[in-house]
Amino acid sequence: MLADRLKTLAPSSTLAVQAKARELRRRGVDVISFGTGEPDFDTPERIKNAAIQAMRQGHTKYTEVGGVPELRAAVCHKFKRDNDLDYEPADILISCGAKHTLFNMVVALLNPGDEVLVPSPFWVSYPEQARLVGAVPVAVPTEERTGFDLDPDRLRAAVTPRTKAIILNSPNNPTGAVFSPAALAAVASLAVERKLIVVSDECYEALTFEGHHQSIASFGPEIKALTLTINTCSKAYAMTGWRIGLAAGPRSSGRRTTSPRWPANSTAAGASSCKASTRCPACPAACRRARSTPSRTSRGCSGASGSRRRARRSSRARWTSPRFCSRRRRWRSCPASTSARTITCG
């Protein structure tokens, strides 16, 4: 019944550890679980109160795919303040947790057969997500005697013509290692030299107790242009159940990373069954337009006479106002109307 791709996935060792810990607690054993990365404090009250206030103000509707502008602007401020990285809101992607962002990344950037280097030990989801899209995770060992620091020589030796990306996780889960600036600089040089994508998972950034966390994207404009920096509210603010992840990176990669979310997260407001065959000059396909007005969010075209009248009006309209073309995945110039609408190109 299940798809063949699921047969390659290994059971989650994190869930296995959690289940074992629960079993021991039921038997009265005082046990500390090293399973999920769950903070031992609650979400701060000011965050809870802000969420309650937002809900009471009606902020409970669909949002932009990449996240609301105010939140993306706040993320830009965070990257500048904490990491000395300059981003614009268009470079930011908000997601349903960092794992969601990582999954979007593998779907958007990795092809079957592509290799992705993962320093080991690693978080268990990295290789499984790569396998799910047919990519090949390549474990690159680190050693306890060096504090599990990155080994740039081993990473370089692991690069092949099929290598496309390197996943870094610092501070690291599960070792707790913070990769040294020298190692990060060497990996940045390797990535720039070989044009490798760097996925920098920095979810545990706030849990750095010695020195200062340094993002690999801050080592220069060339490596920044190749780096997708991923973070979350889960660890620093104990918001694991809130599912808020964030990513910053090259604008082209950000657009591609949002693409897998369109089928599930976007809707065509006021979708219509109108079959008008007016052709958008920027798109070779006929467009079925979702029609809307300020007073009615949906106007059906099921009536034959109404459909013909609306089709005639559509054919006389000028192609001036912006629409989103779901075939081309971009905004196009389409017929003027009282409000923006989504079109689906057949």
Protein backbone atom coordinates (compact mmCIF):
# COMPACT_ATOMS: atom_id res chain seq x y z
CA MET A 1 0.00 0.00 0.00
CA LEU A 2 2.79 2.45 0.84
CA ALA A 3 4.99 4.17 -1.73
CA ASP A 4 8.35 2.57 -2.44
CA ARG A 5 10.21 5.67 -1.22
CA LEU A 6 9.05 4.98 2.33
CA LYS A 7 10.76 1.59 2.32
CA THR A 8 14.15 3.28 2.47
CA LEU A 9 13.38 5.17 5.68
CA ALA A 10 14.74 3.93 9.00
CA PRO A 11 12.56 4.08 12.14
CA SER A 12 13.14 7.20 14.23
CA SER A 13 15.69 6.51 16.94
CA THR A 14 14.53 9.70 18.68
CA LEU A 15 11.02 8.31 19.07
CA ALA A 16 12.45 4.98 20.19
CA VAL A 17 14.43 6.69 22.96
CA GLN A 18 11.37 8.68 24.02
CA ALA A 19 9.25 5.53 24.16
CA LYS A 20 11.89 3.76 26.24
CA ALA A 21 12.08 6.70 28.66
CA ARG A 22 8.29 6.72 29.09
CA GLU A 23 8.32 2.99 29.76
CA LEU A 24 10.99 3.37 32.45
CA ARG A 25 9.08 6.22 34.10
CA ARG A 26 5.94 4.08 34.23
CA ARG A 27 7.99 1.49 36.11
CA GLY A 28 9.07 4.12 38.61
CA VAL A 29 12.60 4.68 37.28
CA ASP A 30 13.96 8.23 37.64
CA VAL A 31 15.32 8.70 34.13
CA ILE A 32 16.58 11.65 32.08
CA SER A 33 15.64 11.33 28.42
CA PHE A 34 18.11 12.37 25.74
CA GLY A 35 15.49 11.94 23.02
CA THR A 36 13.73 15.04 21.68
CA GLY A 37 15.41 18.43 22.12
CA GLU A 38 12.78 19.79 24.51
CA PRO A 39 13.73 22.76 26.75
CA ASP A 40 13.06 22.29 30.45
CA PHE A 41 11.16 25.59 30.81
CA ASP A 42 7.87 26.87 29.47
CA THR A 43 7.22 29.43 26.74
CA PRO A 44 7.69 32.91 28.30
CA GLU A 45 4.47 34.61 29.39
CA ARG A 46 5.03 37.66 27.19
CA ILE A 47 5.02 35.40 24.12
CA LYS A 48 1.85 33.62 25.23
CA ASN A 49 0.11 36.95 25.90
CA ALA A 50 1.16 38.34 22.52
CA ALA A 51 -0.29 35.26 20.80
CA ILE A 52 -3.56 35.56 22.70
CA GLN A 53 -3.83 39.22 21.81
CA ALA A 54 -3.13 38.49 18.14
CA MET A 55 -5.87 35.83 18.05
CA ARG A 56 -8.36 38.18 19.67
CA GLN A 57 -7.50 40.78 17.04
CA GLY A 58 -8.43 38.30 14.31
CA HIS A 59 -4.97 37.25 13.11
CA THR A 60 -6.17 33.72 12.42
CA LYS A 61 -6.46 33.71 8.62
CA TYR A 62 -4.32 32.39 5.79
CA THR A 63 -0.99 34.18 5.45
CA GLU A 64 1.54 34.68 2.69
CA VAL A 65 3.40 31.50 1.79
CA GLY A 66 6.74 32.92 2.93
CA GLY A 67 5.38 34.38 6.17
CA VAL A 68 3.79 37.68 7.17
CA PRO A 69 5.91 40.76 6.32
CA GLU A 70 6.21 41.89 9.95
CA LEU A 71 7.68 38.57 11.02
CA ARG A 72 10.12 38.43 8.12
CA ALA A 73 11.28 41.96 8.95
CA ALA A 74 11.81 40.90 12.58
CA VAL A 75 13.87 37.92 11.41
CA CYS A 76 16.05 40.27 9.35
CA HIS A 77 16.63 42.32 12.50
CA LYS A 78 17.56 39.16 14.42
CA PHE A 79 20.14 38.10 11.83
CA LYS A 80 21.69 41.57 11.81
CA ARG A 81 21.75 41.86 15.61
CA ASP A 82 22.97 38.36 16.44
CA ASN A 83 24.94 37.26 13.37
CA ASP A 84 25.95 40.49 11.58
CA LEU A 85 24.14 39.27 8.47
CA ASP A 86 22.21 41.62 6.22
CA TYR A 87 19.04 40.20 4.68
CA GLU A 88 15.89 41.68 3.21
CA PRO A 89 12.40 40.32 3.99
CA ALA A 90 12.30 38.75 0.51
CA ASP A 91 15.30 36.60 1.54
CA ILE A 92 13.40 35.13 4.52
CA LEU A 93 11.15 32.06 4.60
CA ILE A 94 8.92 31.24 7.58
CA SER A 95 7.82 27.62 7.89
CA CYS A 96 6.08 25.13 10.16
CA GLY A 97 9.25 24.42 12.13
CA ALA A 98 12.87 23.98 11.13
CA LYS A 99 12.26 20.37 10.08
CA HIS A 100 9.68 21.63 7.58
CA THR A 101 12.25 24.06 6.17
CA LEU A 102 14.84 21.29 5.90
CA PHE A 103 12.37 19.06 4.08
CA ASN A 104 11.46 21.88 1.69
CA MET A 105 15.16 22.33 1.08
CA VAL A 106 15.79 18.71 0.04
CA VAL A 107 12.70 18.68 -2.18
CA ALA A 108 13.63 21.97 -3.85
CA LEU A 109 17.40 21.53 -4.22
CA LEU A 110 18.31 17.83 -4.36
CA ASN A 111 17.80 15.49 -7.31
CA PRO A 112 17.93 11.68 -7.21
CA GLY A 113 21.56 10.62 -7.01
CA ASP A 114 22.83 13.93 -5.63
CA GLU A 115 25.15 13.49 -2.67
CA VAL A 116 24.89 15.56 0.50
CA LEU A 117 27.72 15.55 3.08
CA VAL A 118 26.63 15.25 6.72
CA PRO A 119 29.24 15.48 9.53
CA SER A 120 28.69 12.61 11.96
CA PRO A 121 27.31 12.24 14.64
CA PHE A 122 24.21 13.97 13.25
CA TRP A 123 20.54 14.59 13.92
CA VAL A 124 18.69 11.54 12.66
CA SER A 125 16.40 13.39 10.22
CA TYR A 126 19.14 14.72 7.92
CA PRO A 127 19.93 11.48 6.07
CA GLU A 128 16.34 10.25 6.05
CA GLN A 129 15.03 13.41 4.41
CA ALA A 130 17.72 13.15 1.73
CA ARG A 131 16.87 9.49 1.06
CA LEU A 132 13.19 10.37 0.75
CA VAL A 133 13.90 12.34 -2.45
CA GLY A 134 16.41 9.82 -3.80
CA ALA A 135 19.52 11.74 -2.75
CA VAL A 136 22.50 10.03 -1.12
CA PRO A 137 23.61 11.13 2.39
CA VAL A 138 27.36 10.72 2.96
CA ALA A 139 28.44 10.60 6.62
CA VAL A 140 31.73 12.37 7.35
CA PRO A 141 33.03 11.34 10.81
CA THR A 142 34.22 13.73 13.49
CA GLU A 143 36.23 12.61 16.52
CA GLU A 144 35.78 12.96 20.26
CA ARG A 145 39.44 13.87 20.76
CA THR A 146 38.86 17.12 18.80
CA GLY A 147 35.60 17.88 20.58
CA PHE A 148 33.69 16.61 17.53
CA ASP A 149 34.87 19.64 15.57
CA LEU A 150 34.54 19.67 11.79
CA ASP A 151 37.33 17.96 9.90
CA PRO A 152 37.76 20.01 6.69
CA ASP A 153 40.23 17.50 5.21
CA ARG A 154 37.74 14.64 5.56
CA LEU A 155 34.99 16.79 4.07
CA ARG A 156 37.17 17.66 1.09
CA ALA A 157 38.08 13.99 0.59
CA ALA A 158 34.37 13.08 0.59
CA VAL A 159 33.48 15.49 -2.22
CA THR A 160 32.73 13.85 -5.56
CA PRO A 161 31.33 15.16 -8.86
CA ARG A 162 27.84 14.27 -7.53
CA THR A 163 28.21 16.24 -4.28
CA LYS A 164 25.72 19.10 -4.18
CA ALA A 165 25.38 20.18 -0.56
CA ILE A 166 26.88 20.13 2.93
CA ILE A 167 24.67 20.11 6.02
CA LEU A 168 26.19 21.77 9.08
CA ASN A 169 24.68 21.75 12.56
CA SER A 170 26.42 24.00 15.08
CA PRO A 171 25.86 23.92 18.01
CA ASN A 172 25.51 20.27 17.22
CA ASN A 173 22.79 17.78 18.04
CA PRO A 174 23.66 15.32 19.56
CA THR A 175 27.28 16.09 20.55
CA GLY A 176 26.85 19.69 21.71
CA ALA A 177 29.98 20.66 19.75
CA VAL A 178 30.38 24.23 18.53
CA PHE A 179 32.38 24.16 15.30
CA SER A 180 35.54 26.28 15.49
CA PRO A 181 35.93 29.44 13.36
CA ALA A 182 38.97 27.89 11.66
CA ALA A 183 37.01 24.79 10.63
CA LEU A 184 34.06 26.87 9.43
CA ALA A 185 36.38 29.08 7.39
CA ALA A 186 37.96 26.03 5.75
CA VAL A 187 34.54 24.57 4.90
CA ALA A 188 33.42 27.95 3.53
CA SER A 189 36.47 28.01 1.26
CA LEU A 190 35.72 24.46 0.08
CA ALA A 191 32.08 25.29 -0.65
CA VAL A 192 32.98 28.40 -2.64
CA GLU A 193 35.67 26.51 -4.55
CA ARG A 194 33.39 23.62 -5.48
CA LYS A 195 30.15 25.64 -5.67
CA LEU A 196 28.45 23.55 -2.98
CA ILE A 197 25.25 24.57 -1.21
CA VAL A 198 25.70 24.90 2.56
CA VAL A 199 22.68 24.22 4.76
CA SER A 200 23.52 25.64 8.18
CA ASP A 201 21.14 24.41 10.88
CA GLU A 202 21.64 26.84 13.79
CA CYS A 203 18.61 25.90 15.90
CA TYR A 204 20.70 25.62 19.10
CA GLU A 205 22.42 28.98 18.58
CA ALA A 206 21.12 30.44 21.86
CA LEU A 207 22.54 27.49 23.82
CA THR A 208 26.17 28.54 23.31
CA PHE A 209 27.79 28.83 26.75
CA GLU A 210 31.41 29.46 25.77
CA GLY A 211 32.42 32.12 23.27
CA HIS A 212 30.07 33.47 20.63
CA HIS A 213 28.11 31.58 18.00
CA GLN A 214 29.32 32.30 14.48
CA SER A 215 27.29 31.61 11.36
CA ILE A 216 29.20 30.32 8.33
CA ALA A 217 27.29 32.81 6.16
CA SER A 218 29.14 35.63 7.93
CA PHE A 219 32.52 34.56 6.46
CA GLY A 220 32.04 36.65 3.32
CA PRO A 221 29.62 37.45 0.50
CA GLU A 222 30.63 34.44 -1.61
CA ILE A 223 29.77 31.86 1.05
CA LYS A 224 26.67 33.82 2.09
CA ALA A 225 25.38 33.49 -1.47
CA LEU A 226 25.69 29.70 -1.18
CA THR A 227 24.29 29.31 2.35
CA LEU A 228 20.77 28.59 3.56
CA THR A 229 20.74 29.47 7.28
CA ILE A 230 18.02 27.73 9.27
CA ASN A 231 16.81 28.60 12.75
CA THR A 232 13.72 28.29 14.92
CA CYS A 233 11.92 29.66 17.96
CA SER A 234 11.70 26.17 19.47
CA LYS A 235 14.91 25.94 21.49
CA ALA A 236 15.64 29.53 22.56
CA TYR A 237 12.04 30.29 23.56
CA ALA A 238 10.72 26.80 24.42
CA MET A 239 8.22 26.97 21.56
CA THR A 240 8.65 23.43 20.22
CA GLY A 241 4.90 22.90 19.85
CA TRP A 242 4.30 26.24 18.17
CA ARG A 243 6.06 25.05 14.99
CA ILE A 244 7.83 28.21 13.85
CA GLY A 245 10.92 27.77 11.71
CA LEU A 246 12.82 30.34 9.70
CA ALA A 247 15.41 30.38 6.96
CA ALA A 248 17.51 33.01 5.23
CA GLY A 249 19.41 32.62 2.01
CA PRO A 250 19.72 33.50 -1.66
CA ARG A 251 16.44 34.83 -2.97
CA SER A 252 16.32 32.33 -5.84
CA SER A 253 16.72 29.40 -3.42
CA GLY A 254 14.08 30.87 -1.14
CA ARG A 255 11.54 31.00 -3.96
CA ARG A 256 12.27 27.40 -4.89
CA THR A 257 12.08 26.33 -1.26
CA THR A 258 8.56 27.76 -0.97
CA SER A 259 7.39 25.97 -4.11
CA PRO A 260 6.68 22.56 -2.48
CA ARG A 261 4.29 24.30 -0.08
CA TRP A 262 1.95 25.67 -2.74
CA PRO A 263 -0.19 22.55 -3.25
CA ALA A 264 -0.97 22.28 0.47
CA ASN A 265 -0.84 25.83 1.79
CA SER A 266 -2.26 28.12 -0.88
CA THR A 267 -5.77 28.64 -2.14
CA ALA A 268 -7.36 30.39 -5.06
CA ALA A 269 -9.76 32.85 -3.44
CA GLY A 270 -13.19 32.71 -5.02
CA ALA A 271 -12.28 29.82 -7.32
CA SER A 272 -14.47 29.76 -10.40
CA SER A 273 -15.43 27.12 -12.91
CA CYS A 274 -15.48 29.74 -15.67
CA LYS A 275 -14.14 28.25 -18.90
CA ALA A 276 -13.35 31.52 -20.63
CA SER A 277 -10.47 30.95 -23.01
CA THR A 278 -9.00 34.46 -22.92
CA ARG A 279 -5.27 34.01 -23.31
CA CYS A 280 -2.73 35.73 -21.07
CA PRO A 281 0.00 37.29 -23.29
CA ALA A 282 2.71 36.13 -20.86
CA CYS A 283 1.48 32.54 -20.71
CA PRO A 284 0.85 30.18 -23.64
CA ALA A 285 -1.98 28.41 -21.88
CA ALA A 286 -5.59 29.46 -21.54
CA CYS A 287 -6.31 30.86 -18.06
CA ARG A 288 -9.25 29.96 -15.88
CA ARG A 289 -9.64 32.99 -13.67
CA ALA A 290 -10.87 32.98 -10.11
CA ARG A 291 -13.20 35.95 -9.91
CA SER A 292 -13.88 38.03 -6.80
CA THR A 293 -15.42 41.37 -5.82
CA PRO A 294 -15.15 43.47 -2.63
CA SER A 295 -18.71 42.53 -1.61
CA ARG A 296 -18.61 38.84 -2.54
CA THR A 297 -15.53 36.67 -2.17
CA SER A 298 -16.82 34.07 -4.62
CA ARG A 299 -18.87 34.31 -7.79
CA GLY A 300 -19.67 30.98 -9.36
CA CYS A 301 -19.98 30.53 -13.12
CA SER A 302 -22.17 27.45 -13.06
CA GLY A 303 -25.10 29.17 -14.80
CA ALA A 304 -24.76 28.97 -18.57
CA SER A 305 -25.97 32.50 -19.31
CA GLY A 306 -23.95 33.97 -16.44
CA SER A 307 -20.89 32.11 -17.66
CA ARG A 308 -21.26 33.53 -21.17
CA ARG A 309 -21.76 37.09 -19.88
CA ARG A 310 -18.71 36.85 -17.60
CA ALA A 311 -16.66 35.28 -20.36
CA ARG A 312 -17.51 38.19 -22.67
CA ARG A 313 -16.58 40.70 -19.97
CA SER A 314 -13.33 38.82 -19.35
CA SER A 315 -12.41 38.84 -23.03
CA ARG A 316 -12.82 42.64 -23.18
CA ALA A 317 -10.71 43.25 -20.06
CA ARG A 318 -7.25 44.75 -20.34
CA TRP A 319 -4.25 42.75 -19.03
CA THR A 320 -3.01 45.20 -16.47
CA SER A 321 -3.31 44.07 -12.85
CA PRO A 322 -1.09 41.37 -11.28
CA ARG A 323 -2.13 37.72 -10.92
CA PHE A 324 -0.35 34.60 -9.78
CA CYS A 325 0.09 31.99 -12.52
CA SER A 326 0.09 28.59 -10.81
CA ARG A 327 1.68 26.92 -13.83
CA ARG A 328 4.62 29.32 -14.07
CA ARG A 329 4.69 29.86 -10.26
CA ARG A 330 5.05 33.60 -10.64
CA TRP A 331 3.02 36.79 -10.85
CA ARG A 332 1.84 37.84 -14.26
CA SER A 333 -0.08 40.75 -15.73
CA CYS A 334 -3.68 39.69 -16.17
CA PRO A 335 -7.11 41.38 -16.59
CA ALA A 336 -7.86 44.36 -14.38
CA SER A 337 -10.46 43.81 -11.69
CA THR A 338 -11.59 45.13 -8.34
CA SER A 339 -9.16 42.86 -6.47
CA ALA A 340 -6.15 40.63 -7.05
CA ARG A 341 -7.01 37.08 -8.11
CA THR A 342 -5.29 33.79 -8.73
CA ILE A 343 -5.28 32.12 -12.14
CA THR A 344 -4.69 28.50 -12.99
CA CYS A 345 -3.15 27.82 -16.37
CA GLY A 346 -4.46 24.68 -18.02
